C-alpha atoms as a PDB file:
ATOM      1  CA  MET A   1     -63.398   0.059-241.246  1.00  0.00           C
ATOM      2  CA  SER A   2     -65.597   0.098-244.338  1.00  0.00           C
ATOM      3  CA  ASN A   3     -69.560   0.648-243.784  1.00  0.00           C
ATOM      4  CA  THR A   4     -71.441  -2.460-244.062  1.00  0.00           C
ATOM      5  CA  PRO A   5     -75.047  -3.451-243.407  1.00  0.00           C
ATOM      6  CA  PHE A   6     -73.948  -5.992-241.201  1.00  0.00           C
ATOM      7  CA  PRO A   7     -73.932  -5.841-237.425  1.00  0.00           C
ATOM      8  CA  GLN A   8     -70.599  -6.366-235.180  1.00  0.00           C
ATOM      9  CA  TYR A   9     -70.094  -9.987-234.415  1.00  0.00           C
ATOM     10  CA  PRO A  10     -71.201 -10.038-230.715  1.00  0.00           C
ATOM     11  CA  ALA A  11     -68.311 -10.873-228.401  1.00  0.00           C
ATOM     12  CA  ALA A  12     -68.433 -14.106-226.324  1.00  0.00           C
ATOM     13  CA  CYS A  13     -70.299 -14.010-222.950  1.00  0.00           C
ATOM     14  CA  LEU A  14     -70.060 -17.356-221.324  1.00  0.00           C
ATOM     15  CA  ASN A  15     -68.246 -17.489-218.296  1.00  0.00           C
ATOM     16  CA  LYS A  16     -67.236 -20.060-215.270  1.00  0.00           C
ATOM     17  CA  ASP A  17     -70.042 -18.906-213.169  1.00  0.00           C
ATOM     18  CA  ASP A  18     -72.595 -19.006-216.004  1.00  0.00           C
ATOM     19  CA  ILE A  19     -71.375 -22.652-216.485  1.00  0.00           C
ATOM     20  CA  ILE A  20     -71.722 -23.598-212.741  1.00  0.00           C
ATOM     21  CA  ALA A  21     -75.274 -22.013-212.411  1.00  0.00           C
ATOM     22  CA  TYR A  22     -76.327 -23.922-215.507  1.00  0.00           C
ATOM     23  CA  LEU A  23     -75.077 -27.388-214.444  1.00  0.00           C
ATOM     24  CA  ILE A  24     -76.258 -26.995-210.666  1.00  0.00           C
ATOM     25  CA  PRO A  25     -79.569 -28.054-211.647  1.00  0.00           C
ATOM     26  CA  TYR A  26     -78.512 -31.119-213.497  1.00  0.00           C
ATOM     27  CA  LEU A  27     -76.230 -32.082-210.879  1.00  0.00           C
ATOM     28  CA  GLU A  28     -79.452 -32.169-208.528  1.00  0.00           C
ATOM     29  CA  LYS A  29     -81.516 -34.079-211.335  1.00  0.00           C
ATOM     30  CA  GLY A  30     -78.561 -37.108-210.588  1.00  0.00           C
ATOM     31  CA  TRP A  31     -76.201 -36.443-213.115  1.00  0.00           C
ATOM     32  CA  GLU A  32     -72.587 -37.122-212.191  1.00  0.00           C
ATOM     33  CA  ILE A  33     -70.906 -33.714-212.784  1.00  0.00           C
ATOM     34  CA  TYR A  34     -67.375 -33.089-211.150  1.00  0.00           C
ATOM     35  CA  GLN A  35     -64.829 -30.517-211.160  1.00  0.00           C
ATOM     36  CA  GLY A  36     -61.813 -31.324-213.306  1.00  0.00           C
ATOM     37  CA  ASN A  37     -58.010 -31.122-212.802  1.00  0.00           C
ATOM     38  CA  GLN A  38     -58.183 -27.761-213.815  1.00  0.00           C
ATOM     39  CA  GLU A  39     -60.100 -24.542-212.517  1.00  0.00           C
ATOM     40  CA  ASN A  40     -62.110 -24.260-215.804  1.00  0.00           C
ATOM     41  CA  GLN A  41     -62.861 -27.854-216.291  1.00  0.00           C
ATOM     42  CA  PHE A  42     -65.773 -29.857-215.594  1.00  0.00           C
ATOM     43  CA  ILE A  43     -66.701 -33.445-216.434  1.00  0.00           C
ATOM     44  CA  ILE A  44     -69.932 -35.184-216.963  1.00  0.00           C
ATOM     45  CA  ARG A  45     -69.926 -38.791-217.035  1.00  0.00           C
ATOM     46  CA  LEU A  46     -72.708 -40.078-219.888  1.00  0.00           C
ATOM     47  CA  LEU A  47     -71.841 -43.636-219.621  1.00  0.00           C
ATOM     48  CA  ASP A  48     -69.269 -46.012-218.048  1.00  0.00           C
ATOM     49  CA  ASN A  49     -66.434 -45.564-220.548  1.00  0.00           C
ATOM     50  CA  LEU A  50     -67.740 -42.072-221.907  1.00  0.00           C
ATOM     51  CA  LYS A  51     -67.408 -38.275-220.312  1.00  0.00           C
ATOM     52  CA  LEU A  52     -68.307 -35.068-221.663  1.00  0.00           C
ATOM     53  CA  PHE A  53     -65.743 -32.283-220.899  1.00  0.00           C
ATOM     54  CA  ILE A  54     -66.716 -28.572-220.605  1.00  0.00           C
ATOM     55  CA  GLU A  55     -63.157 -26.624-220.683  1.00  0.00           C
ATOM     56  CA  LEU A  56     -61.498 -23.436-221.315  1.00  0.00           C
ATOM     57  CA  LYS A  57     -59.094 -23.887-224.119  1.00  0.00           C
ATOM     58  CA  GLN A  58     -56.833 -21.100-225.393  1.00  0.00           C
ATOM     59  CA  SER A  59     -59.299 -18.620-224.140  1.00  0.00           C
ATOM     60  CA  LYS A  60     -62.431 -20.150-225.709  1.00  0.00           C
ATOM     61  CA  TRP A  61     -64.834 -22.825-223.925  1.00  0.00           C
ATOM     62  CA  ARG A  62     -65.007 -26.051-225.527  1.00  0.00           C
ATOM     63  CA  ILE A  63     -67.284 -29.174-225.641  1.00  0.00           C
ATOM     64  CA  SER A  64     -66.084 -32.403-226.198  1.00  0.00           C
ATOM     65  CA  THR A  65     -66.680 -36.123-225.366  1.00  0.00           C
ATOM     66  CA  GLY A  66     -63.912 -38.701-224.835  1.00  0.00           C
ATOM     67  CA  LEU A  67     -62.544 -41.772-222.681  1.00  0.00           C
ATOM     68  CA  ASP A  68     -60.626 -39.587-220.228  1.00  0.00           C
ATOM     69  CA  ILE A  69     -59.089 -36.124-219.384  1.00  0.00           C
ATOM     70  CA  ASP A  70     -57.094 -34.923-222.521  1.00  0.00           C
ATOM     71  CA  GLN A  71     -58.587 -37.973-224.644  1.00  0.00           C
ATOM     72  CA  SER A  72     -61.320 -36.107-226.362  1.00  0.00           C
ATOM     73  CA  LEU A  73     -62.711 -38.156-229.502  1.00  0.00           C
ATOM     74  CA  ALA A  74     -65.102 -35.559-230.511  1.00  0.00           C
ATOM     75  CA  ILE A  75     -65.482 -31.785-230.424  1.00  0.00           C
ATOM     76  CA  TRP A  76     -68.717 -30.539-230.721  1.00  0.00           C
ATOM     77  CA  ALA A  77     -68.681 -26.716-230.230  1.00  0.00           C
ATOM     78  CA  PHE A  78     -66.867 -23.667-228.826  1.00  0.00           C
ATOM     79  CA  PRO A  79     -69.999 -22.245-227.188  1.00  0.00           C
ATOM     80  CA  GLU A  80     -70.078 -18.139-226.578  1.00  0.00           C
ATOM     81  CA  ASN A  81     -73.138 -18.143-224.562  1.00  0.00           C
ATOM     82  CA  LEU A  82     -75.715 -20.296-222.579  1.00  0.00           C
ATOM     83  CA  GLY A  83     -77.994 -21.087-225.451  1.00  0.00           C
ATOM     84  CA  GLU A  84     -74.899 -22.485-227.565  1.00  0.00           C
ATOM     85  CA  LEU A  85     -73.706 -24.473-224.441  1.00  0.00           C
ATOM     86  CA  ASP A  86     -76.984 -26.104-224.086  1.00  0.00           C
ATOM     87  CA  SER A  87     -77.410 -26.922-227.591  1.00  0.00           C
ATOM     88  CA  ALA A  88     -73.829 -28.471-227.737  1.00  0.00           C
ATOM     89  CA  ILE A  89     -74.512 -30.690-224.530  1.00  0.00           C
ATOM     90  CA  ARG A  90     -77.896 -31.947-225.822  1.00  0.00           C
ATOM     91  CA  GLN A  91     -76.320 -33.038-228.956  1.00  0.00           C
ATOM     92  CA  ALA A  92     -73.541 -34.725-227.397  1.00  0.00           C
ATOM     93  CA  VAL A  93     -75.453 -36.511-224.866  1.00  0.00           C
ATOM     94  CA  SER A  94     -78.115 -37.585-227.426  1.00  0.00           C
ATOM     95  CA  THR A  95     -75.296 -38.959-229.957  1.00  0.00           C
ATOM     96  CA  ALA A  96     -73.938 -40.812-226.770  1.00  0.00           C
ATOM     97  CA  SER A  97     -76.759 -43.019-226.830  1.00  0.00           C
ATOM     98  CA  VAL A  98     -75.422 -44.813-230.090  1.00  0.00           C
ATOM     99  CA  ALA A  99     -72.657 -45.830-227.567  1.00  0.00           C
ATOM    100  CA  SER A 100     -75.016 -47.163-224.902  1.00  0.00           C
ATOM    101  CA  PRO A 101     -74.472 -50.814-224.265  1.00  0.00           C
ATOM    102  CA  SER A 102     -78.160 -51.400-223.353  1.00  0.00           C
ATOM    103  CA  GLY A 103     -79.414 -49.119-226.110  1.00  0.00           C
ATOM    104  CA  THR A 104     -81.268 -46.957-223.816  1.00  0.00           C
ATOM    105  CA  ARG A 105     -81.986 -43.680-225.411  1.00  0.00           C
ATOM    106  CA  ILE A 106     -79.909 -40.788-223.124  1.00  0.00           C
ATOM    107  CA  GLU A 107     -81.663 -37.303-222.968  1.00  0.00           C
ATOM    108  CA  TRP A 108     -79.855 -34.374-221.252  1.00  0.00           C
ATOM    109  CA  SER A 109     -83.305 -33.463-220.450  1.00  0.00           C
ATOM    110  CA  SER A 110     -84.278 -36.406-218.285  1.00  0.00           C
ATOM    111  CA  VAL A 111     -82.599 -38.119-215.356  1.00  0.00           C
ATOM    112  CA  PRO A 112     -79.276 -40.307-216.158  1.00  0.00           C
ATOM    113  CA  THR A 113     -79.685 -43.805-217.066  1.00  0.00           C
ATOM    114  CA  THR A 114     -76.213 -44.970-215.920  1.00  0.00           C
ATOM    115  CA  VAL A 115     -74.590 -44.121-212.625  1.00  0.00           C
ATOM    116  CA  ARG A 116     -70.894 -44.971-210.908  1.00  0.00           C
ATOM    117  CA  LEU A 117     -70.908 -46.255-207.530  1.00  0.00           C
ATOM    118  CA  ASP A 118     -68.135 -45.297-205.406  1.00  0.00           C
ATOM    119  CA  GLU A 119     -67.137 -47.666-202.367  1.00  0.00           C
ATOM    120  CA  GLU A 120     -66.144 -45.082-199.981  1.00  0.00           C
ATOM    121  CA  LYS A 121     -69.651 -43.518-200.207  1.00  0.00           C
ATOM    122  CA  PRO A 122     -72.457 -46.092-199.697  1.00  0.00           C
ATOM    123  CA  ALA A 123     -74.984 -43.514-198.891  1.00  0.00           C
ATOM    124  CA  SER A 124     -74.529 -41.611-201.917  1.00  0.00           C
ATOM    125  CA  ASN A 125     -74.606 -44.932-203.863  1.00  0.00           C
ATOM    126  CA  LEU A 126     -78.118 -45.500-202.194  1.00  0.00           C
ATOM    127  CA  ALA A 127     -79.193 -42.203-203.421  1.00  0.00           C
ATOM    128  CA  LYS A 128     -77.904 -42.488-206.687  1.00  0.00           C
ATOM    129  CA  LEU A 129     -79.968 -45.989-207.237  1.00  0.00           C
ATOM    130  CA  VAL A 130     -82.751 -43.968-206.093  1.00  0.00           C
ATOM    131  CA  ALA A 131     -82.527 -41.552-208.661  1.00  0.00           C
ATOM    132  CA  LEU A 132     -82.412 -44.188-211.242  1.00  0.00           C
ATOM    133  CA  ILE A 133     -85.588 -45.833-209.923  1.00  0.00           C
ATOM    134  CA  GLY A 134     -87.184 -42.453-209.880  1.00  0.00           C
ATOM    135  CA  SER A 135     -91.029 -42.690-209.462  1.00  0.00           C
ATOM    136  CA  SER A 136     -91.242 -46.313-210.847  1.00  0.00           C
ATOM    137  CA  ASN A 137     -92.311 -48.937-208.366  1.00  0.00           C
ATOM    138  CA  ILE A 138     -89.867 -52.297-207.637  1.00  0.00           C
ATOM    139  CA  GLU A 139     -91.780 -55.013-208.574  1.00  0.00           C
ATOM    140  CA  ALA A 140     -89.219 -58.103-208.108  1.00  0.00           C
ATOM    141  CA  ILE A 141     -85.595 -58.456-207.057  1.00  0.00           C
ATOM    142  CA  PHE A 142     -83.259 -61.005-208.375  1.00  0.00           C
ATOM    143  CA  ASP A 143     -80.055 -61.310-206.258  1.00  0.00           C
ATOM    144  CA  ALA A 144     -78.278 -64.572-205.341  1.00  0.00           C
ATOM    145  CA  TYR A 145     -76.883 -62.700-202.174  1.00  0.00           C
ATOM    146  CA  LEU A 146     -80.302 -60.872-200.884  1.00  0.00           C
ATOM    147  CA  ASP A 147     -80.148 -61.367-197.209  1.00  0.00           C
ATOM    148  CA  ASN A 148     -81.490 -59.119-194.368  1.00  0.00           C
ATOM    149  CA  LYS A 149     -78.674 -56.559-194.869  1.00  0.00           C
ATOM    150  CA  GLY A 150     -80.246 -56.449-198.667  1.00  0.00           C
ATOM    151  CA  LEU A 151     -83.601 -55.914-197.611  1.00  0.00           C
ATOM    152  CA  GLU A 152     -82.538 -53.269-195.220  1.00  0.00           C
ATOM    153  CA  THR A 153     -81.025 -51.358-198.332  1.00  0.00           C
ATOM    154  CA  VAL A 154     -84.578 -51.790-200.018  1.00  0.00           C
ATOM    155  CA  LEU A 155     -86.096 -50.420-196.793  1.00  0.00           C
ATOM    156  CA  ASN A 156     -83.852 -47.631-196.776  1.00  0.00           C
ATOM    157  CA  MET A 157     -84.895 -46.625-200.236  1.00  0.00           C
ATOM    158  CA  ALA A 158     -88.345 -46.697-199.272  1.00  0.00           C
ATOM    159  CA  THR A 159     -87.532 -44.027-196.790  1.00  0.00           C
ATOM    160  CA  LEU A 160     -86.065 -42.168-199.811  1.00  0.00           C
ATOM    161  CA  GLY A 161     -89.395 -42.106-201.571  1.00  0.00           C
ATOM    162  CA  ILE A 162     -89.098 -45.297-203.429  1.00  0.00           C
ATOM    163  CA  LYS A 163     -92.406 -47.315-204.018  1.00  0.00           C
ATOM    164  CA  ILE A 164     -92.258 -50.776-203.214  1.00  0.00           C
ATOM    165  CA  SER A 165     -95.015 -52.889-204.902  1.00  0.00           C
ATOM    166  CA  THR A 166     -97.193 -54.882-202.312  1.00  0.00           C
ATOM    167  CA  ASN A 167     -96.952 -57.821-204.097  1.00  0.00           C
ATOM    168  CA  ILE A 168     -93.131 -57.770-204.607  1.00  0.00           C
ATOM    169  CA  ARG A 169     -91.286 -61.116-205.884  1.00  0.00           C
ATOM    170  CA  LEU A 170     -87.713 -61.808-204.297  1.00  0.00           C
ATOM    171  CA  LEU A 171     -85.617 -64.404-205.796  1.00  0.00           C
ATOM    172  CA  THR A 172     -82.310 -65.317-203.718  1.00  0.00           C
ATOM    173  CA  SER A 173     -79.880 -68.396-203.220  1.00  0.00           C
ATOM    174  CA  THR A 174     -80.810 -71.456-200.823  1.00  0.00           C
ATOM    175  CA  LYS A 175     -77.413 -70.685-198.998  1.00  0.00           C
ATOM    176  CA  MET A 176     -78.514 -67.433-197.696  1.00  0.00           C
ATOM    177  CA  LEU A 177     -81.285 -69.365-195.480  1.00  0.00           C
ATOM    178  CA  GLN A 178     -78.760 -71.785-194.189  1.00  0.00           C
ATOM    179  CA  SER A 179     -77.133 -71.280-190.945  1.00  0.00           C
ATOM    180  CA  SER A 180     -73.363 -71.069-190.887  1.00  0.00           C
ATOM    181  CA  SER A 181     -71.084 -72.747-188.625  1.00  0.00           C
ATOM    182  CA  GLY A 182     -71.429 -71.472-185.081  1.00  0.00           C
ATOM    183  CA  GLY A 183     -74.040 -68.623-186.459  1.00  0.00           C
ATOM    184  CA  THR A 184     -77.474 -67.820-188.155  1.00  0.00           C
ATOM    185  CA  ALA A 185     -78.538 -67.769-191.424  1.00  0.00           C
ATOM    186  CA  ARG A 186     -78.127 -64.488-193.454  1.00  0.00           C
ATOM    187  CA  LEU A 187     -81.814 -64.355-194.290  1.00  0.00           C
ATOM    188  CA  THR A 188     -84.010 -65.115-191.441  1.00  0.00           C
ATOM    189  CA  PRO A 189     -88.239 -65.257-191.532  1.00  0.00           C
ATOM    190  CA  SER A 190     -88.488 -63.022-188.374  1.00  0.00           C
ATOM    191  CA  TYR A 191     -86.800 -60.283-190.111  1.00  0.00           C
ATOM    192  CA  ILE A 192     -88.622 -61.022-193.296  1.00  0.00           C
ATOM    193  CA  LYS A 193     -91.850 -60.788-191.443  1.00  0.00           C
ATOM    194  CA  SER A 194     -90.717 -57.293-189.800  1.00  0.00           C
ATOM    195  CA  TRP A 195     -89.783 -56.056-192.987  1.00  0.00           C
ATOM    196  CA  GLN A 196     -92.855 -57.059-194.758  1.00  0.00           C
ATOM    197  CA  ASN A 197     -95.097 -55.379-192.168  1.00  0.00           C
ATOM    198  CA  GLU A 198     -93.025 -52.435-192.049  1.00  0.00           C
ATOM    199  CA  LEU A 199     -93.486 -51.650-195.873  1.00  0.00           C
ATOM    200  CA  GLY A 200     -96.999 -53.181-196.074  1.00  0.00           C
ATOM    201  CA  CYS A 201     -96.248 -55.738-198.677  1.00  0.00           C
ATOM    202  CA  SER A 202     -99.243 -57.823-197.652  1.00  0.00           C
ATOM    203  CA  GLY A 203     -98.689 -60.189-201.098  1.00  0.00           C
ATOM    204  CA  LEU A 204     -94.676 -60.750-200.571  1.00  0.00           C
ATOM    205  CA  GLU A 205     -93.404 -63.812-201.941  1.00  0.00           C
ATOM    206  CA  ILE A 206     -89.735 -65.216-201.673  1.00  0.00           C
ATOM    207  CA  ARG A 207     -88.352 -68.094-203.444  1.00  0.00           C
ATOM    208  CA  HIS A 208     -84.794 -69.400-203.771  1.00  0.00           C
ATOM    209  CA  ASN A 209     -82.756 -71.686-205.846  1.00  0.00           C
ATOM    210  CA  SER A 210     -79.114 -73.370-205.453  1.00  0.00           C
ATOM    211  CA  TYR A 211     -77.092 -70.447-207.107  1.00  0.00           C
ATOM    212  CA  THR A 212     -73.221 -70.697-206.970  1.00  0.00           C
ATOM    213  CA  GLY A 213     -70.775 -67.931-208.312  1.00  0.00           C
ATOM    214  CA  HIS A 214     -71.569 -64.529-209.541  1.00  0.00           C
ATOM    215  CA  GLN A 215     -74.887 -63.740-210.788  1.00  0.00           C
ATOM    216  CA  ARG A 216     -76.479 -60.949-212.353  1.00  0.00           C
ATOM    217  CA  ARG A 217     -78.434 -58.840-209.932  1.00  0.00           C
ATOM    218  CA  PHE A 218     -81.089 -56.802-211.056  1.00  0.00           C
ATOM    219  CA  MET A 219     -84.627 -55.230-210.007  1.00  0.00           C
ATOM    220  CA  LEU A 220     -87.698 -55.453-212.130  1.00  0.00           C
ATOM    221  CA  LEU A 221     -89.442 -52.069-212.208  1.00  0.00           C
ATOM    222  CA  SER A 222     -93.090 -50.917-213.508  1.00  0.00           C
ATOM    223  CA  GLY A 223     -92.903 -49.318-216.942  1.00  0.00           C
ATOM    224  CA  GLY A 224     -90.819 -52.119-218.624  1.00  0.00           C
ATOM    225  CA  GLN A 225     -87.509 -51.175-216.958  1.00  0.00           C
ATOM    226  CA  SER A 226     -84.590 -53.227-215.408  1.00  0.00           C
ATOM    227  CA  LEU A 227     -82.376 -51.770-213.067  1.00  0.00           C
ATOM    228  CA  ILE A 228     -78.938 -53.499-213.257  1.00  0.00           C
ATOM    229  CA  VAL A 229     -77.648 -52.935-209.644  1.00  0.00           C
ATOM    230  CA  GLY A 230     -74.053 -54.466-210.148  1.00  0.00           C
ATOM    231  CA  PRO A 231     -73.256 -55.261-206.511  1.00  0.00           C
ATOM    232  CA  SER A 232     -75.251 -57.351-204.338  1.00  0.00           C
ATOM    233  CA  LEU A 233     -77.877 -55.169-202.360  1.00  0.00           C
ATOM    234  CA  ASN A 234     -76.252 -56.176-199.065  1.00  0.00           C
ATOM    235  CA  ASN A 235     -73.159 -54.096-199.740  1.00  0.00           C
ATOM    236  CA  LEU A 236     -72.979 -50.878-201.811  1.00  0.00           C
ATOM    237  CA  SER A 237     -69.656 -49.977-201.032  1.00  0.00           C
ATOM    238  CA  VAL A 238     -67.892 -50.902-204.290  1.00  0.00           C
ATOM    239  CA  ASN A 239     -66.343 -49.358-207.358  1.00  0.00           C
ATOM    240  CA  GLU A 240     -68.902 -50.443-209.958  1.00  0.00           C
ATOM    241  CA  ALA A 241     -71.569 -48.963-212.516  1.00  0.00           C
ATOM    242  CA  SER A 242     -75.509 -49.478-212.252  1.00  0.00           C
ATOM    243  CA  HIS A 243     -77.966 -48.760-215.100  1.00  0.00           C
ATOM    244  CA  LEU A 244     -81.038 -49.105-216.361  1.00  0.00           C
ATOM    245  CA  GLU A 245     -82.326 -50.788-219.602  1.00  0.00           C
ATOM    246  CA  SER A 246     -85.165 -52.600-220.854  1.00  0.00           C
ATOM    247  CA  ASP A 247     -86.592 -55.374-219.086  1.00  0.00           C
ATOM    248  CA  THR A 248     -87.181 -57.680-222.397  1.00  0.00           C
ATOM    249  CA  ALA A 249     -84.425 -60.219-221.221  1.00  0.00           C
ATOM    250  CA  ASP A 250     -84.670 -60.079-217.417  1.00  0.00           C
ATOM    251  CA  ILE A 251     -88.170 -60.489-216.873  1.00  0.00           C
ATOM    252  CA  VAL A 252     -88.043 -63.845-218.991  1.00  0.00           C
ATOM    253  CA  PHE A 253     -85.086 -64.849-217.229  1.00  0.00           C
ATOM    254  CA  PHE A 254     -86.601 -64.065-213.706  1.00  0.00           C
ATOM    255  CA  ASN A 255     -89.915 -65.669-214.582  1.00  0.00           C
ATOM    256  CA  LYS A 256     -88.028 -68.853-215.918  1.00  0.00           C
ATOM    257  CA  GLU A 257     -86.076 -69.009-212.471  1.00  0.00           C
ATOM    258  CA  TRP A 258     -89.167 -68.520-210.608  1.00  0.00           C
ATOM    259  CA  VAL A 259     -90.947 -71.385-211.476  1.00  0.00           C
ATOM    260  CA  SER A 260     -88.220 -73.791-210.709  1.00  0.00           C
ATOM    261  CA  ALA A 261     -87.561 -72.059-207.503  1.00  0.00           C
ATOM    262  CA  GLN A 262     -88.543 -73.277-203.866  1.00  0.00           C
ATOM    263  CA  HIS A 263     -91.190 -71.297-202.127  1.00  0.00           C
ATOM    264  CA  LEU A 264     -90.126 -69.675-198.667  1.00  0.00           C
ATOM    265  CA  ILE A 265     -92.903 -69.743-196.050  1.00  0.00           C
ATOM    266  CA  VAL A 266     -92.462 -66.834-193.612  1.00  0.00           C
END
């Protein structure tokens, strides 16, 4: 080899253990990270229909995004060290914001804005929703099926550190208050009162309206955000997506429904 003023190009120094150690803190933040079908493949769910793949291809680690395994739409890099790995993932995640249905900007350094619920893991689903809410306060809830079980879910969120506004507003359907044949109502004043006292929600107000069919279910959070829950809070054992977005549309809808709804005295 002839003499040149240039140093030898460094050999790749990225291995599977490095990638696992790098990803663990992001898993703990709430990002959905999975082992793929192969030993050297990791999958990060960015959006409900978009995934990021870290996989070993022909002795090189490759970062790509796509709809599913072996359906990559864009290749971002062939990182050779942790610095290049981090840079490629950040770029891919940031660009994925363009595909976000809510228009919410996604940042790899922050907590995720979308999670996928698993019908076989209700406890994990609760933890995922708690991670989305983060340090925000729950200020209002719209759920046409909000009942005693739904309130219990909110209570469980509080035990995991979520803050509930003392003046929380709850909007449900009238049929949750009506007794079924041979049974009791699904939402009862006695449970509401106990729930209110335990959480210290002195300014709690509940209203109801005659809703039918499937309604959008959401929580209004402090900081101008809305958590689109997907399923009703009374049953998180479902395969659905939940995500954060601006509350611009939901707060207008909620306030309109609130004005026309009936007061529930407890």
